[in-house]
Amino acid sequence: MHGDHKTGIDPKNNLSEQELLALLQYMLHHNEHHAHELSANAVRLEALQKHEAAAQILLACDEYTAANRRLATALEMLEG
């Protein structure tokens, strides 16, 4: 598991463009970490013969991957 989800930036405040960029970079990295954790859990579930649950987790990983691509595209737009 990982630690606290707090970024030190309050999303309710008016964030500068630089702060938004930093937050998005953090969130992308954080989501990638979650996707790796989920994938590892799917492998463990396969080993336990929990194939249907593993398949659902792998579908969730696909959704994380798609969301991460969109976040990466937004970051490229902001950095570009």
C-alpha atoms as a PDB file:
ATOM      1  CA  MET A   1       0.000   0.000   0.000  1.00  0.00           C
ATOM      2  CA  HIS A   2       0.983   3.579  -0.277  1.00  0.00           C
ATOM      3  CA  GLY A   3       0.718   6.438   2.131  1.00  0.00           C
ATOM      4  CA  ASP A   4      -1.614   9.350   2.474  1.00  0.00           C
ATOM      5  CA  HIS A   5      -3.410  10.704  -0.592  1.00  0.00           C
ATOM      6  CA  LYS A   6      -2.756  14.319   0.420  1.00  0.00           C
ATOM      7  CA  THR A   7      -0.764  16.372  -2.054  1.00  0.00           C
ATOM      8  CA  GLY A   8      -0.297  19.467   0.056  1.00  0.00           C
ATOM      9  CA  ILE A   9      -2.420  21.386  -2.445  1.00  0.00           C
ATOM     10  CA  ASP A  10      -6.037  22.120  -1.612  1.00  0.00           C
ATOM     11  CA  PRO A  11      -8.056  21.638  -4.837  1.00  0.00           C
ATOM     12  CA  LYS A  12     -10.732  24.002  -3.485  1.00  0.00           C
ATOM     13  CA  ASN A  13      -8.280  26.909  -3.645  1.00  0.00           C
ATOM     14  CA  ASN A  14      -7.512  28.871  -6.770  1.00  0.00           C
ATOM     15  CA  LEU A  15      -4.473  27.022  -8.022  1.00  0.00           C
ATOM     16  CA  SER A  16      -1.934  28.595 -10.312  1.00  0.00           C
ATOM     17  CA  GLU A  17      -1.178  26.928 -13.626  1.00  0.00           C
ATOM     18  CA  GLN A  18       2.111  25.658 -12.181  1.00  0.00           C
ATOM     19  CA  GLU A  19       0.326  24.146  -9.177  1.00  0.00           C
ATOM     20  CA  LEU A  20      -2.248  22.500 -11.444  1.00  0.00           C
ATOM     21  CA  LEU A  21       0.546  21.069 -13.562  1.00  0.00           C
ATOM     22  CA  ALA A  22       2.289  19.688 -10.471  1.00  0.00           C
ATOM     23  CA  LEU A  23      -0.973  18.212  -9.208  1.00  0.00           C
ATOM     24  CA  LEU A  24      -1.720  16.521 -12.537  1.00  0.00           C
ATOM     25  CA  GLN A  25       1.822  15.115 -12.696  1.00  0.00           C
ATOM     26  CA  TYR A  26       1.398  13.717  -9.186  1.00  0.00           C
ATOM     27  CA  MET A  27      -2.018  12.266  -9.998  1.00  0.00           C
ATOM     28  CA  LEU A  28      -0.742  10.570 -13.154  1.00  0.00           C
ATOM     29  CA  HIS A  29       2.145   8.958 -11.284  1.00  0.00           C
ATOM     30  CA  HIS A  30      -0.178   7.993  -8.447  1.00  0.00           C
ATOM     31  CA  ASN A  31      -2.673   6.370 -10.830  1.00  0.00           C
ATOM     32  CA  GLU A  32       0.107   4.468 -12.589  1.00  0.00           C
ATOM     33  CA  HIS A  33       1.145   3.108  -9.198  1.00  0.00           C
ATOM     34  CA  HIS A  34      -2.428   1.976  -8.507  1.00  0.00           C
ATOM     35  CA  ALA A  35      -2.646   0.268 -11.892  1.00  0.00           C
ATOM     36  CA  HIS A  36       0.539  -1.704 -11.145  1.00  0.00           C
ATOM     37  CA  GLU A  37      -0.811  -2.713  -7.725  1.00  0.00           C
ATOM     38  CA  LEU A  38      -4.089  -3.848  -9.236  1.00  0.00           C
ATOM     39  CA  SER A  39      -2.333  -5.855 -11.920  1.00  0.00           C
ATOM     40  CA  ALA A  40      -0.243  -7.637  -9.290  1.00  0.00           C
ATOM     41  CA  ASN A  41      -3.406  -8.400  -7.334  1.00  0.00           C
ATOM     42  CA  ALA A  42      -5.003  -9.906 -10.455  1.00  0.00           C
ATOM     43  CA  VAL A  43      -2.010 -12.223 -10.825  1.00  0.00           C
ATOM     44  CA  ARG A  44      -2.389 -13.296  -7.195  1.00  0.00           C
ATOM     45  CA  LEU A  45      -6.093 -13.939  -7.686  1.00  0.00           C
ATOM     46  CA  GLU A  46      -5.381 -16.043 -10.780  1.00  0.00           C
ATOM     47  CA  ALA A  47      -3.036 -18.162  -8.689  1.00  0.00           C
ATOM     48  CA  LEU A  48      -5.881 -18.600  -6.183  1.00  0.00           C
ATOM     49  CA  GLN A  49      -8.174 -19.756  -9.001  1.00  0.00           C
ATOM     50  CA  LYS A  50     -10.320 -16.610  -8.662  1.00  0.00           C
ATOM     51  CA  HIS A  51     -10.438 -16.087 -12.411  1.00  0.00           C
ATOM     52  CA  GLU A  52     -13.601 -13.986 -12.661  1.00  0.00           C
ATOM     53  CA  ALA A  53     -12.445 -11.552  -9.990  1.00  0.00           C
ATOM     54  CA  ALA A  54      -9.019 -11.353 -11.642  1.00  0.00           C
ATOM     55  CA  ALA A  55     -10.664 -10.594 -14.979  1.00  0.00           C
ATOM     56  CA  GLN A  56     -12.646  -7.739 -13.440  1.00  0.00           C
ATOM     57  CA  ILE A  57      -9.499  -6.279 -11.918  1.00  0.00           C
ATOM     58  CA  LEU A  58      -7.728  -6.475 -15.276  1.00  0.00           C
ATOM     59  CA  LEU A  59     -10.647  -4.576 -16.837  1.00  0.00           C
ATOM     60  CA  ALA A  60     -10.184  -1.933 -14.147  1.00  0.00           C
ATOM     61  CA  CYS A  61      -6.490  -1.782 -15.084  1.00  0.00           C
ATOM     62  CA  ASP A  62      -7.502  -1.124 -18.693  1.00  0.00           C
ATOM     63  CA  GLU A  63      -9.651   1.773 -17.511  1.00  0.00           C
ATOM     64  CA  TYR A  64      -6.780   3.177 -15.434  1.00  0.00           C
ATOM     65  CA  THR A  65      -4.572   2.954 -18.524  1.00  0.00           C
ATOM     66  CA  ALA A  66      -7.117   4.834 -20.636  1.00  0.00           C
ATOM     67  CA  ALA A  67      -7.550   7.515 -17.957  1.00  0.00           C
ATOM     68  CA  ASN A  68      -3.777   7.848 -17.602  1.00  0.00           C
ATOM     69  CA  ARG A  69      -3.441   8.391 -21.364  1.00  0.00           C
ATOM     70  CA  ARG A  70      -5.934  11.247 -21.116  1.00  0.00           C
ATOM     71  CA  LEU A  71      -4.090  12.750 -18.142  1.00  0.00           C
ATOM     72  CA  ALA A  72      -0.807  12.464 -20.043  1.00  0.00           C
ATOM     73  CA  THR A  73      -2.375  14.223 -23.039  1.00  0.00           C
ATOM     74  CA  ALA A  74      -3.617  17.048 -20.806  1.00  0.00           C
ATOM     75  CA  LEU A  75      -0.143  17.372 -19.305  1.00  0.00           C
ATOM     76  CA  GLU A  76       1.428  17.564 -22.750  1.00  0.00           C
ATOM     77  CA  MET A  77      -0.989  20.355 -23.651  1.00  0.00           C
ATOM     78  CA  LEU A  78      -0.131  22.275 -20.506  1.00  0.00           C
ATOM     79  CA  GLU A  79       3.617  21.727 -20.865  1.00  0.00           C
ATOM     80  CA  GLY A  80       3.689  22.370 -24.602  1.00  0.00           C
END
